[in-house]
Protein backbone atom coordinates (compact mmCIF):
# COMPACT_ATOMS: atom_id res chain seq x y z
CA MET A 1 9.02 43.48 40.59
CA LYS A 2 8.96 42.97 36.87
CA GLN A 3 12.07 40.82 37.13
CA ILE A 4 10.51 38.68 39.85
CA PHE A 5 7.40 38.14 37.67
CA LEU A 6 9.55 37.10 34.68
CA ILE A 7 11.50 34.64 36.83
CA PHE A 8 8.24 33.09 38.18
CA LEU A 9 6.80 32.85 34.66
CA SER A 10 9.96 31.15 33.37
CA PHE A 11 9.91 28.68 36.28
CA PHE A 12 6.23 27.80 35.64
CA ALA A 13 6.86 27.27 31.91
CA ALA A 14 9.83 25.02 32.64
CA LEU A 15 7.77 22.97 35.14
CA LEU A 16 4.95 22.55 32.59
CA ALA A 17 7.37 21.43 29.90
CA PHE A 18 8.96 18.85 32.28
CA SER A 19 5.58 17.34 33.19
CA GLN A 20 4.59 16.97 29.50
CA GLU A 21 7.82 15.18 28.65
CA ASN A 22 7.41 12.56 31.41
CA ASP A 23 3.65 12.03 31.08
CA SER A 24 2.96 8.88 28.98
CA ILE A 25 0.17 6.35 28.29
CA ILE A 26 0.99 2.72 29.22
CA VAL A 27 -0.89 0.17 27.08
CA VAL A 28 -1.40 -3.14 28.84
CA GLN A 29 -1.79 -5.88 26.29
CA SER A 30 -4.14 -8.73 27.03
CA PRO A 31 -2.64 -12.21 27.25
CA LYS A 32 -2.81 -14.20 24.06
CA GLY A 33 -6.28 -15.61 23.56
CA ARG A 34 -7.99 -13.16 25.93
CA LEU A 35 -10.75 -10.95 24.56
CA SER A 36 -10.82 -7.34 25.94
CA GLY A 37 -8.86 -8.53 28.97
CA LEU A 38 -12.02 -10.04 30.46
CA ILE A 39 -12.89 -13.29 28.65
CA ASP A 40 -10.23 -15.95 28.18
CA VAL A 41 -11.03 -17.99 25.08
CA GLN A 42 -8.68 -20.71 26.29
CA ASP A 43 -10.69 -21.00 29.51
CA LEU A 44 -13.62 -22.10 27.35
CA THR A 45 -11.77 -24.47 25.07
CA ASN A 46 -9.55 -26.14 27.66
CA GLU A 47 -12.49 -27.64 29.55
CA GLY A 48 -14.34 -28.37 26.33
CA TYR A 49 -17.53 -26.94 24.97
CA ASN A 50 -20.32 -29.53 24.88
CA TYR A 51 -22.61 -29.18 21.89
CA TRP A 52 -25.29 -31.34 23.54
CA ASN A 53 -26.30 -32.08 27.10
CA ASP A 54 -23.34 -32.23 29.46
CA LYS A 55 -24.49 -35.46 31.15
CA PHE A 56 -24.11 -38.88 29.49
CA GLU A 57 -26.97 -41.29 30.25
CA GLY A 58 -26.78 -45.01 29.42
CA HIS A 59 -29.56 -47.52 28.73
CA TRP A 60 -29.09 -50.35 31.26
CA SER A 61 -31.83 -49.71 33.82
CA GLY A 62 -35.33 -51.00 33.22
CA VAL A 63 -37.45 -54.16 32.96
CA GLU A 64 -36.57 -56.66 30.23
CA LEU A 65 -38.33 -59.82 29.02
CA GLY A 66 -36.97 -62.46 26.68
CA ILE A 67 -36.37 -66.11 25.88
CA ASN A 68 -33.67 -68.54 27.06
CA GLY A 69 -31.89 -71.33 25.25
CA PHE A 70 -28.84 -73.58 25.24
CA ALA A 71 -26.12 -73.68 22.58
CA GLN A 72 -23.09 -75.85 21.82
CA ALA A 73 -24.62 -78.87 23.55
CA ASP A 74 -22.28 -81.76 24.32
CA TYR A 75 -23.69 -84.89 26.04
CA SER A 76 -20.70 -87.13 25.32
CA MET A 77 -20.27 -88.05 29.02
CA TYR A 78 -23.78 -89.59 29.09
CA PRO A 79 -25.19 -92.75 27.50
CA VAL A 80 -26.96 -92.22 24.20
CA SER A 81 -30.33 -92.88 25.85
CA GLU A 82 -29.86 -89.73 27.99
CA TYR A 83 -28.76 -87.39 25.20
CA HIS A 84 -30.59 -84.05 25.01
CA PHE A 85 -32.44 -84.47 28.31
CA LEU A 86 -32.09 -80.70 28.86
CA ASP A 87 -33.50 -79.70 25.49
CA ASN A 88 -35.93 -76.89 26.23
CA ASP A 89 -38.98 -75.30 24.67
CA LEU A 90 -37.51 -71.98 23.53
CA ILE A 91 -40.79 -70.07 23.44
CA ARG A 92 -41.79 -71.06 26.99
CA SER A 93 -38.30 -70.63 28.47
CA ASN A 94 -38.19 -67.07 29.76
CA VAL A 95 -35.84 -64.51 31.25
CA LEU A 96 -36.99 -61.53 33.28
CA ASN A 97 -34.36 -58.86 34.03
CA LEU A 98 -34.95 -56.18 36.67
CA ASN A 99 -32.07 -53.75 36.13
CA ILE A 100 -32.64 -51.54 39.15
CA LEU A 101 -29.44 -49.46 39.45
CA GLN A 102 -27.38 -47.66 36.81
CA TYR A 103 -24.26 -45.50 36.77
CA SER A 104 -23.13 -43.77 33.56
CA LYS A 105 -19.86 -41.99 32.82
CA GLY A 106 -19.07 -40.11 29.61
CA ILE A 107 -15.52 -40.61 28.31
CA GLN A 108 -15.34 -37.71 25.84
CA GLN A 109 -14.10 -34.20 26.56
CA THR A 110 -16.27 -32.22 24.15
CA ARG A 111 -19.14 -34.64 23.42
CA ASN A 112 -21.47 -36.88 25.38
CA ASN A 113 -22.32 -39.68 22.96
CA ILE A 114 -19.76 -42.29 24.10
CA GLY A 115 -19.56 -43.57 27.66
CA LEU A 116 -19.26 -46.41 30.15
CA VAL A 117 -22.28 -47.94 31.85
CA THR A 118 -22.49 -50.15 34.93
CA GLY A 119 -25.13 -50.92 37.53
CA LEU A 120 -26.94 -53.74 39.31
CA GLY A 121 -29.78 -56.04 38.37
CA LEU A 122 -31.65 -59.27 39.07
CA SER A 123 -32.11 -61.91 36.37
CA PHE A 124 -34.77 -64.63 36.67
CA GLN A 125 -33.98 -67.40 34.15
CA SER A 126 -36.15 -70.47 33.54
CA TYR A 127 -35.90 -73.34 31.05
CA HIS A 128 -39.03 -75.28 30.13
CA LEU A 129 -38.02 -78.95 29.80
CA ASP A 130 -39.84 -81.93 28.41
CA ASN A 131 -43.07 -82.25 30.35
CA ASN A 132 -42.13 -85.57 31.95
CA THR A 133 -38.44 -84.86 32.58
CA THR A 134 -36.74 -83.13 35.47
CA ILE A 135 -33.21 -83.54 36.86
CA SER A 136 -31.66 -85.03 39.96
CA VAL A 137 -28.15 -85.17 41.45
CA ASP A 138 -26.27 -88.35 42.38
CA GLU A 139 -23.76 -88.87 45.18
CA ASN A 140 -20.96 -87.47 43.01
CA ARG A 141 -22.92 -84.25 42.37
CA LYS A 142 -23.46 -85.23 38.75
CA ILE A 143 -26.88 -84.46 37.31
CA HIS A 144 -29.06 -87.02 35.55
CA PRO A 145 -32.50 -86.94 33.96
CA GLU A 146 -35.40 -88.13 36.08
CA VAL A 147 -38.73 -89.05 34.54
CA LEU A 148 -41.84 -88.18 36.55
CA TYR A 149 -45.43 -88.63 35.50
CA PHE A 150 -48.43 -87.19 37.36
CA ASP A 151 -50.90 -86.30 34.60
CA SER A 152 -50.96 -85.55 30.89
CA SER A 153 -50.92 -81.75 31.33
CA GLN A 154 -47.92 -81.46 33.67
CA LYS A 155 -45.07 -79.01 33.05
CA SER A 156 -41.42 -79.12 34.09
CA LYS A 157 -38.78 -76.40 34.30
CA LEU A 158 -35.35 -75.51 35.70
CA SER A 159 -35.00 -72.00 37.14
CA SER A 160 -32.20 -69.83 38.58
CA LEU A 161 -31.95 -66.34 40.04
CA TYR A 162 -28.81 -64.24 39.44
CA LEU A 163 -27.46 -60.94 40.72
CA GLU A 164 -25.87 -59.16 37.73
CA VAL A 165 -23.32 -56.35 37.31
CA PRO A 166 -22.67 -55.03 33.78
CA LEU A 167 -19.69 -53.22 32.28
CA LEU A 168 -20.71 -51.75 28.94
CA VAL A 169 -19.35 -49.33 26.37
CA GLU A 170 -22.21 -47.39 24.79
CA PHE A 171 -22.35 -45.31 21.61
CA GLN A 172 -25.19 -42.86 20.99
CA ILE A 173 -26.28 -41.02 17.83
CA PRO A 174 -28.69 -38.06 18.25
CA ILE A 175 -31.61 -38.19 15.81
CA ARG A 176 -33.70 -35.04 15.14
CA HIS A 177 -33.52 -34.01 18.77
CA THR A 178 -30.75 -34.42 21.32
CA ALA A 179 -33.07 -36.27 23.71
CA ASN A 180 -33.86 -38.98 21.12
CA ARG A 181 -30.83 -41.14 20.47
CA LEU A 182 -30.10 -44.34 18.63
CA TYR A 183 -27.74 -46.32 20.86
CA PHE A 184 -25.55 -49.39 20.63
CA SER A 185 -23.76 -50.94 23.61
CA ALA A 186 -21.57 -53.99 24.08
CA GLY A 187 -19.66 -55.49 26.98
CA LEU A 188 -19.77 -58.06 29.74
CA THR A 189 -22.07 -58.95 32.62
CA GLY A 190 -20.82 -60.74 35.71
CA ALA A 191 -23.41 -62.69 37.69
CA LYS A 192 -23.68 -64.43 41.07
CA ARG A 193 -26.19 -67.27 41.33
CA LEU A 194 -28.52 -66.70 44.28
CA GLU A 195 -30.94 -69.64 43.98
CA THR A 196 -31.82 -72.60 41.77
CA HIS A 197 -34.75 -75.01 41.77
CA THR A 198 -36.68 -77.45 39.62
CA LYS A 199 -40.46 -77.35 39.47
CA VAL A 200 -43.07 -79.77 38.14
CA LYS A 201 -46.65 -78.50 37.89
CA TYR A 202 -49.53 -80.96 37.57
CA HIS A 203 -53.18 -81.57 38.49
CA LYS A 204 -54.37 -83.97 41.14
CA ASN A 205 -58.02 -84.57 41.98
CA GLY A 206 -58.91 -81.46 39.99
CA LYS A 207 -56.47 -79.24 41.92
CA ARG A 208 -53.28 -77.67 40.68
CA GLU A 209 -50.21 -79.01 42.44
CA LYS A 210 -46.49 -78.34 42.13
CA LEU A 211 -43.35 -80.17 43.16
CA LYS A 212 -40.58 -77.64 43.82
CA SER A 213 -37.07 -78.90 44.62
CA PRO A 214 -34.42 -76.29 45.52
CA GLY A 215 -30.75 -77.18 45.08
CA GLU A 216 -27.48 -76.27 43.42
CA TYR A 217 -27.74 -78.90 40.64
CA ALA A 218 -24.01 -78.52 39.86
CA ILE A 219 -24.65 -75.10 38.30
CA LYS A 220 -21.70 -72.73 38.66
CA ASP A 221 -22.00 -70.05 41.32
CA TYR A 222 -20.54 -67.35 39.07
CA LYS A 223 -20.73 -66.69 35.36
CA VAL A 224 -19.66 -64.11 32.79
CA ALA A 225 -21.65 -63.34 29.67
CA GLY A 226 -21.11 -61.17 26.63
CA THR A 227 -23.99 -58.85 25.81
CA ILE A 228 -25.08 -56.57 22.97
CA ARG A 229 -27.84 -54.00 23.36
CA MET A 230 -29.35 -51.49 20.96
CA GLY A 231 -32.45 -49.40 20.51
CA TYR A 232 -34.18 -46.14 19.81
CA ARG A 233 -36.74 -44.56 22.12
CA TRP A 234 -39.27 -47.29 23.04
CA VAL A 235 -37.77 -50.02 20.82
CA ASN A 236 -34.90 -51.73 22.66
CA PHE A 237 -33.31 -55.17 22.18
CA PHE A 238 -30.73 -57.22 24.05
CA VAL A 239 -28.79 -60.45 23.47
CA THR A 240 -26.53 -62.22 26.00
CA TYR A 241 -24.33 -65.31 25.66
CA ASP A 242 -22.54 -67.11 28.52
CA LEU A 243 -18.81 -67.40 27.91
CA ALA A 244 -18.48 -70.59 30.02
CA PRO A 245 -20.68 -73.71 30.32
CA LEU A 246 -23.61 -73.68 32.71
CA PHE A 247 -22.58 -76.71 34.80
CA GLU A 248 -19.43 -77.49 36.73
CA ASN A 249 -16.80 -79.52 34.91
CA ARG A 250 -17.75 -83.21 34.44
CA ARG A 251 -20.92 -82.80 36.51
CA GLY A 252 -23.33 -82.05 33.71
CA PRO A 253 -23.57 -81.70 29.93
CA ILE A 254 -21.67 -78.86 28.28
CA LEU A 255 -24.28 -76.17 27.61
CA HIS A 256 -23.83 -72.45 26.97
CA SER A 257 -26.85 -70.40 27.98
CA TYR A 258 -28.09 -67.48 25.87
CA SER A 259 -30.94 -64.99 26.13
CA ALA A 260 -32.60 -62.54 23.75
CA GLY A 261 -35.45 -60.13 24.26
CA ILE A 262 -36.80 -56.61 24.53
CA LYS A 263 -37.02 -53.89 27.15
CA LEU A 264 -40.53 -53.29 28.43
CA ILE A 265 -39.91 -50.32 30.75
CA SER A 266 -37.00 -47.86 31.02
CA PHE A 267 -36.10 -46.17 34.31
């Protein structure tokens, strides 16, 4: 019996020793860049950490008001007596822009202060001419000045309506608070002419009258303009300059239209 007990005790001791030799602790190392095996630092940095608001917002949409003018005038295809018949009163020649749609796209991975801006807008452009002068079109679709006189207080203007699509690159600088940003944008606007007319307003027998004459007036159907815009909060300015002349080739004087003004309302 004693021998059986000693054999059992020896077997138990040997079994215990065997289990201790093969028992080990396996340390699983976290992948490089992973904290405590739970948070991957690279997961944060690969997609970029944005120090400001994630969404880039441009400054195209809104209501703008400004003045219109003509530059680089060339009347060499007209007799000297007809030179400058489209000279306009700059202060009373207005542009009204209704920029109704906007789409903005940031182009940075870890910031949101540079982006692309596009959209859709309507531009109402009018040029106040000499009070007694309007324009007409001959059989060759060439425009000429036409003198009309109804009364001493009459007014004359040439107006067009355009559908505009911009493509702008915009830079923004946060000032004091991320929501308040100084911005500067530059790019191009493409426009489709929707309607053009001349209008002469006058008084007859004490009543206000107007002579409105719709037509194409040899104005190009499409145009491209360069534009610069900048502002901060409620102070916003814009300048545009047409890259091609207003009228079709050899059908009118060479005139490049430009506009400058301010934004009244932002959407």
